[in-house]
N, C-alpha and C. Protein backbone atom coordinates (compact mmCIF):
# COMPACT_ATOMS: atom_id res chain seq x y z
N MET A 1 12.96 -25.42 -31.72
CA MET A 1 11.82 -24.53 -31.69
C MET A 1 12.20 -23.23 -32.39
N THR A 2 11.38 -22.82 -33.33
CA THR A 2 11.70 -21.63 -34.11
C THR A 2 11.15 -20.38 -33.43
N VAL A 3 11.53 -19.24 -33.96
CA VAL A 3 11.05 -17.97 -33.43
C VAL A 3 9.55 -17.85 -33.58
N GLY A 4 9.03 -18.33 -34.71
CA GLY A 4 7.59 -18.28 -34.92
C GLY A 4 6.81 -19.06 -33.88
N HIS A 5 7.36 -20.23 -33.51
CA HIS A 5 6.71 -21.03 -32.47
C HIS A 5 6.72 -20.30 -31.12
N MET A 6 7.85 -19.69 -30.79
CA MET A 6 7.96 -19.00 -29.50
C MET A 6 7.06 -17.77 -29.45
N VAL A 7 6.98 -17.03 -30.56
CA VAL A 7 6.13 -15.85 -30.58
C VAL A 7 4.66 -16.27 -30.53
N THR A 8 4.31 -17.37 -31.19
CA THR A 8 2.94 -17.87 -31.12
C THR A 8 2.60 -18.29 -29.70
N LEU A 9 3.52 -18.99 -29.03
CA LEU A 9 3.30 -19.38 -27.65
C LEU A 9 3.16 -18.15 -26.75
N ALA A 10 3.99 -17.14 -26.98
CA ALA A 10 3.89 -15.91 -26.20
C ALA A 10 2.55 -15.22 -26.44
N GLY A 11 2.08 -15.23 -27.67
CA GLY A 11 0.77 -14.64 -27.97
C GLY A 11 -0.35 -15.37 -27.28
N VAL A 12 -0.28 -16.69 -27.26
CA VAL A 12 -1.31 -17.48 -26.56
C VAL A 12 -1.28 -17.20 -25.06
N LEU A 13 -0.07 -17.15 -24.48
CA LEU A 13 0.04 -16.85 -23.06
C LEU A 13 -0.47 -15.45 -22.73
N PHE A 14 -0.15 -14.49 -23.59
CA PHE A 14 -0.60 -13.12 -23.36
C PHE A 14 -2.12 -13.04 -23.46
N THR A 15 -2.70 -13.75 -24.43
CA THR A 15 -4.16 -13.76 -24.58
C THR A 15 -4.82 -14.40 -23.37
N LEU A 16 -4.26 -15.49 -22.87
CA LEU A 16 -4.80 -16.11 -21.67
C LEU A 16 -4.72 -15.17 -20.47
N GLY A 17 -3.64 -14.42 -20.39
CA GLY A 17 -3.50 -13.44 -19.31
C GLY A 17 -4.54 -12.34 -19.41
N ILE A 18 -4.78 -11.84 -20.61
CA ILE A 18 -5.80 -10.80 -20.79
C ILE A 18 -7.18 -11.34 -20.44
N MET A 19 -7.46 -12.57 -20.87
CA MET A 19 -8.75 -13.17 -20.54
C MET A 19 -8.91 -13.34 -19.03
N GLY A 20 -7.84 -13.68 -18.34
CA GLY A 20 -7.89 -13.81 -16.89
C GLY A 20 -8.12 -12.49 -16.19
N VAL A 21 -7.51 -11.42 -16.70
CA VAL A 21 -7.71 -10.11 -16.09
C VAL A 21 -9.13 -9.62 -16.32
N ILE A 22 -9.65 -9.84 -17.51
CA ILE A 22 -10.99 -9.34 -17.84
C ILE A 22 -12.09 -10.15 -17.16
N SER A 23 -11.95 -11.46 -17.14
CA SER A 23 -13.07 -12.30 -16.71
C SER A 23 -13.10 -12.61 -15.21
N ARG A 24 -12.00 -12.53 -14.52
CA ARG A 24 -11.97 -12.93 -13.11
C ARG A 24 -12.13 -11.74 -12.19
N ARG A 25 -12.74 -11.99 -11.04
CA ARG A 25 -12.91 -10.95 -10.04
C ARG A 25 -12.03 -11.16 -8.82
N ASN A 26 -11.43 -12.33 -8.69
CA ASN A 26 -10.53 -12.60 -7.58
C ASN A 26 -9.23 -11.84 -7.83
N ILE A 27 -8.82 -11.04 -6.87
CA ILE A 27 -7.65 -10.19 -7.05
C ILE A 27 -6.38 -11.03 -7.23
N LEU A 28 -6.29 -12.15 -6.54
CA LEU A 28 -5.11 -13.01 -6.69
C LEU A 28 -5.02 -13.58 -8.10
N VAL A 29 -6.15 -13.97 -8.67
CA VAL A 29 -6.14 -14.51 -10.04
C VAL A 29 -5.80 -13.41 -11.04
N VAL A 30 -6.25 -12.20 -10.78
CA VAL A 30 -5.90 -11.07 -11.65
C VAL A 30 -4.40 -10.81 -11.60
N LEU A 31 -3.81 -10.84 -10.41
CA LEU A 31 -2.35 -10.65 -10.30
C LEU A 31 -1.60 -11.78 -11.00
N LEU A 32 -2.09 -13.00 -10.88
CA LEU A 32 -1.47 -14.12 -11.56
C LEU A 32 -1.56 -13.97 -13.08
N SER A 33 -2.67 -13.44 -13.56
CA SER A 33 -2.84 -13.21 -14.99
C SER A 33 -1.90 -12.12 -15.49
N VAL A 34 -1.69 -11.10 -14.69
CA VAL A 34 -0.74 -10.04 -15.06
C VAL A 34 0.68 -10.62 -15.13
N GLU A 35 1.01 -11.50 -14.21
CA GLU A 35 2.32 -12.16 -14.25
C GLU A 35 2.46 -13.03 -15.51
N LEU A 36 1.39 -13.68 -15.91
CA LEU A 36 1.41 -14.48 -17.12
C LEU A 36 1.67 -13.61 -18.35
N MET A 37 1.05 -12.43 -18.38
CA MET A 37 1.28 -11.51 -19.50
C MET A 37 2.72 -11.00 -19.49
N LEU A 38 3.26 -10.74 -18.32
CA LEU A 38 4.65 -10.28 -18.23
C LEU A 38 5.62 -11.37 -18.68
N ASN A 39 5.33 -12.62 -18.35
CA ASN A 39 6.17 -13.73 -18.81
C ASN A 39 6.06 -13.93 -20.31
N ALA A 40 4.90 -13.68 -20.89
CA ALA A 40 4.75 -13.77 -22.34
C ALA A 40 5.62 -12.71 -23.03
N ALA A 41 5.63 -11.51 -22.47
CA ALA A 41 6.49 -10.46 -23.04
C ALA A 41 7.97 -10.83 -22.89
N ALA A 42 8.34 -11.43 -21.77
CA ALA A 42 9.73 -11.85 -21.57
C ALA A 42 10.10 -12.95 -22.56
N LEU A 43 9.18 -13.86 -22.84
CA LEU A 43 9.44 -14.91 -23.83
C LEU A 43 9.67 -14.32 -25.21
N THR A 44 8.92 -13.28 -25.54
CA THR A 44 9.11 -12.61 -26.82
C THR A 44 10.48 -11.93 -26.89
N PHE A 45 10.89 -11.30 -25.80
CA PHE A 45 12.23 -10.70 -25.76
C PHE A 45 13.31 -11.75 -26.00
N VAL A 46 13.18 -12.89 -25.34
CA VAL A 46 14.19 -13.95 -25.48
C VAL A 46 14.18 -14.52 -26.90
N ALA A 47 12.98 -14.69 -27.47
CA ALA A 47 12.89 -15.25 -28.82
C ALA A 47 13.58 -14.35 -29.84
N PHE A 48 13.28 -13.05 -29.78
CA PHE A 48 13.89 -12.15 -30.75
C PHE A 48 15.36 -11.91 -30.47
N SER A 49 15.78 -12.00 -29.21
CA SER A 49 17.19 -11.89 -28.89
C SER A 49 17.96 -13.07 -29.47
N ASN A 50 17.37 -14.25 -29.36
CA ASN A 50 18.00 -15.44 -29.93
C ASN A 50 18.05 -15.34 -31.45
N TRP A 51 17.00 -14.80 -32.04
CA TRP A 51 16.94 -14.67 -33.50
C TRP A 51 17.99 -13.70 -34.02
N HIS A 52 18.20 -12.59 -33.30
CA HIS A 52 19.19 -11.60 -33.72
C HIS A 52 20.61 -11.98 -33.31
N GLY A 53 20.76 -12.92 -32.41
CA GLY A 53 22.08 -13.38 -32.02
C GLY A 53 22.79 -12.48 -31.04
N ASN A 54 22.07 -11.69 -30.27
CA ASN A 54 22.70 -10.86 -29.25
C ASN A 54 22.01 -11.09 -27.91
N LEU A 55 22.52 -10.48 -26.87
CA LEU A 55 22.02 -10.71 -25.53
C LEU A 55 21.14 -9.58 -25.00
N ASP A 56 20.74 -8.65 -25.84
CA ASP A 56 19.94 -7.52 -25.37
C ASP A 56 18.59 -7.97 -24.82
N GLY A 57 17.99 -8.95 -25.44
CA GLY A 57 16.70 -9.45 -24.97
C GLY A 57 16.79 -10.10 -23.60
N GLN A 58 17.86 -10.86 -23.37
CA GLN A 58 18.03 -11.47 -22.06
C GLN A 58 18.24 -10.43 -20.98
N VAL A 59 18.93 -9.35 -21.30
CA VAL A 59 19.12 -8.26 -20.33
C VAL A 59 17.78 -7.62 -20.00
N MET A 60 16.94 -7.44 -21.00
CA MET A 60 15.61 -6.88 -20.76
C MET A 60 14.76 -7.82 -19.90
N VAL A 61 14.95 -9.12 -20.06
CA VAL A 61 14.21 -10.09 -19.26
C VAL A 61 14.63 -10.00 -17.79
N PHE A 62 15.90 -9.74 -17.53
CA PHE A 62 16.33 -9.54 -16.14
C PHE A 62 15.61 -8.35 -15.52
N PHE A 63 15.45 -7.27 -16.27
CA PHE A 63 14.70 -6.13 -15.77
C PHE A 63 13.23 -6.48 -15.58
N ALA A 64 12.67 -7.27 -16.49
CA ALA A 64 11.27 -7.69 -16.37
C ALA A 64 11.07 -8.56 -15.13
N ILE A 65 12.04 -9.41 -14.83
CA ILE A 65 11.95 -10.23 -13.62
C ILE A 65 12.01 -9.36 -12.37
N ALA A 66 12.84 -8.34 -12.40
CA ALA A 66 12.91 -7.42 -11.25
C ALA A 66 11.59 -6.67 -11.07
N VAL A 67 11.00 -6.23 -12.17
CA VAL A 67 9.70 -5.55 -12.10
C VAL A 67 8.64 -6.51 -11.60
N ALA A 68 8.67 -7.76 -12.06
CA ALA A 68 7.69 -8.75 -11.62
C ALA A 68 7.82 -9.03 -10.12
N ALA A 69 9.04 -9.09 -9.62
CA ALA A 69 9.23 -9.32 -8.19
C ALA A 69 8.68 -8.15 -7.37
N ALA A 70 8.94 -6.94 -7.82
CA ALA A 70 8.41 -5.77 -7.12
C ALA A 70 6.89 -5.73 -7.19
N GLU A 71 6.33 -6.08 -8.33
CA GLU A 71 4.88 -6.08 -8.49
C GLU A 71 4.23 -7.12 -7.59
N VAL A 72 4.84 -8.27 -7.49
CA VAL A 72 4.29 -9.32 -6.62
C VAL A 72 4.34 -8.89 -5.16
N ALA A 73 5.44 -8.29 -4.75
CA ALA A 73 5.57 -7.86 -3.36
C ALA A 73 4.53 -6.81 -3.00
N VAL A 74 4.39 -5.80 -3.84
CA VAL A 74 3.42 -4.74 -3.57
C VAL A 74 1.99 -5.26 -3.71
N GLY A 75 1.74 -6.05 -4.74
CA GLY A 75 0.39 -6.58 -4.97
C GLY A 75 -0.07 -7.48 -3.84
N LEU A 76 0.79 -8.38 -3.39
CA LEU A 76 0.40 -9.25 -2.29
C LEU A 76 0.23 -8.49 -0.99
N ALA A 77 1.02 -7.46 -0.76
CA ALA A 77 0.84 -6.64 0.43
C ALA A 77 -0.52 -5.94 0.40
N VAL A 78 -0.91 -5.44 -0.75
CA VAL A 78 -2.23 -4.80 -0.87
C VAL A 78 -3.35 -5.82 -0.69
N VAL A 79 -3.19 -7.00 -1.26
CA VAL A 79 -4.21 -8.04 -1.12
C VAL A 79 -4.35 -8.48 0.33
N ILE A 80 -3.24 -8.65 1.03
CA ILE A 80 -3.30 -9.04 2.44
C ILE A 80 -3.97 -7.95 3.27
N ALA A 81 -3.64 -6.69 3.00
CA ALA A 81 -4.26 -5.60 3.74
C ALA A 81 -5.77 -5.54 3.46
N LEU A 82 -6.17 -5.72 2.21
CA LEU A 82 -7.60 -5.71 1.89
C LEU A 82 -8.32 -6.90 2.50
N PHE A 83 -7.67 -8.06 2.52
CA PHE A 83 -8.29 -9.24 3.11
C PHE A 83 -8.47 -9.07 4.62
N ARG A 84 -7.49 -8.49 5.28
CA ARG A 84 -7.63 -8.25 6.72
C ARG A 84 -8.74 -7.24 7.02
N LEU A 85 -8.92 -6.30 6.13
CA LEU A 85 -9.92 -5.26 6.36
C LEU A 85 -11.32 -5.71 5.96
N ARG A 86 -11.47 -6.36 4.81
CA ARG A 86 -12.78 -6.72 4.27
C ARG A 86 -13.09 -8.21 4.29
N VAL A 87 -12.13 -9.07 4.61
CA VAL A 87 -12.28 -10.53 4.66
C VAL A 87 -12.75 -11.09 3.31
N THR A 88 -12.31 -10.50 2.23
CA THR A 88 -12.59 -11.02 0.89
C THR A 88 -11.51 -10.53 -0.06
N VAL A 89 -11.30 -11.28 -1.13
CA VAL A 89 -10.39 -10.86 -2.19
C VAL A 89 -11.14 -10.70 -3.50
N ASP A 90 -12.47 -10.59 -3.43
CA ASP A 90 -13.29 -10.38 -4.61
C ASP A 90 -13.25 -8.90 -4.98
N ALA A 91 -12.88 -8.61 -6.21
CA ALA A 91 -12.71 -7.22 -6.64
C ALA A 91 -14.03 -6.47 -6.67
N ASP A 92 -15.15 -7.16 -6.89
CA ASP A 92 -16.45 -6.48 -6.89
C ASP A 92 -16.89 -6.07 -5.51
N GLN A 93 -16.54 -6.86 -4.51
CA GLN A 93 -16.97 -6.56 -3.14
C GLN A 93 -16.07 -5.56 -2.43
N VAL A 94 -14.89 -5.36 -2.95
CA VAL A 94 -13.97 -4.41 -2.34
C VAL A 94 -14.20 -3.06 -3.01
N SER A 95 -15.01 -2.25 -2.37
CA SER A 95 -15.32 -0.93 -2.95
C SER A 95 -14.63 0.19 -2.20
N MET A 96 -13.73 -0.16 -1.31
CA MET A 96 -13.04 0.84 -0.51
C MET A 96 -12.19 1.77 -1.37
N LEU A 97 -11.63 1.26 -2.48
CA LEU A 97 -10.75 2.06 -3.31
C LEU A 97 -11.50 3.08 -4.15
N LYS A 98 -12.81 2.98 -4.24
CA LYS A 98 -13.59 3.92 -5.04
C LYS A 98 -13.77 5.26 -4.35
N GLN A 99 -13.58 5.31 -3.03
CA GLN A 99 -13.84 6.53 -2.29
C GLN A 99 -12.69 7.51 -2.37
């Protein structure tokens, strides 16, 4: 698999993630789409790191994985708290954050 193939795959994954964030109202699906975009960026880091022949991209992916883990922990905690309070995970029906 060449760098062009990996970057194209990362672009498709990132586009799917953006479409998921824009079109969906379920907070869990939005968080999943953000994770998909983060994984697309990590794939790009790995592709260009492999192309240049150094390990800098893989090191950046470790940081991206750490950020993704923190984002999932905080995001799911917020979703659980909102679900307990409003009994829904629909972003349109949760208007508590607007106040």
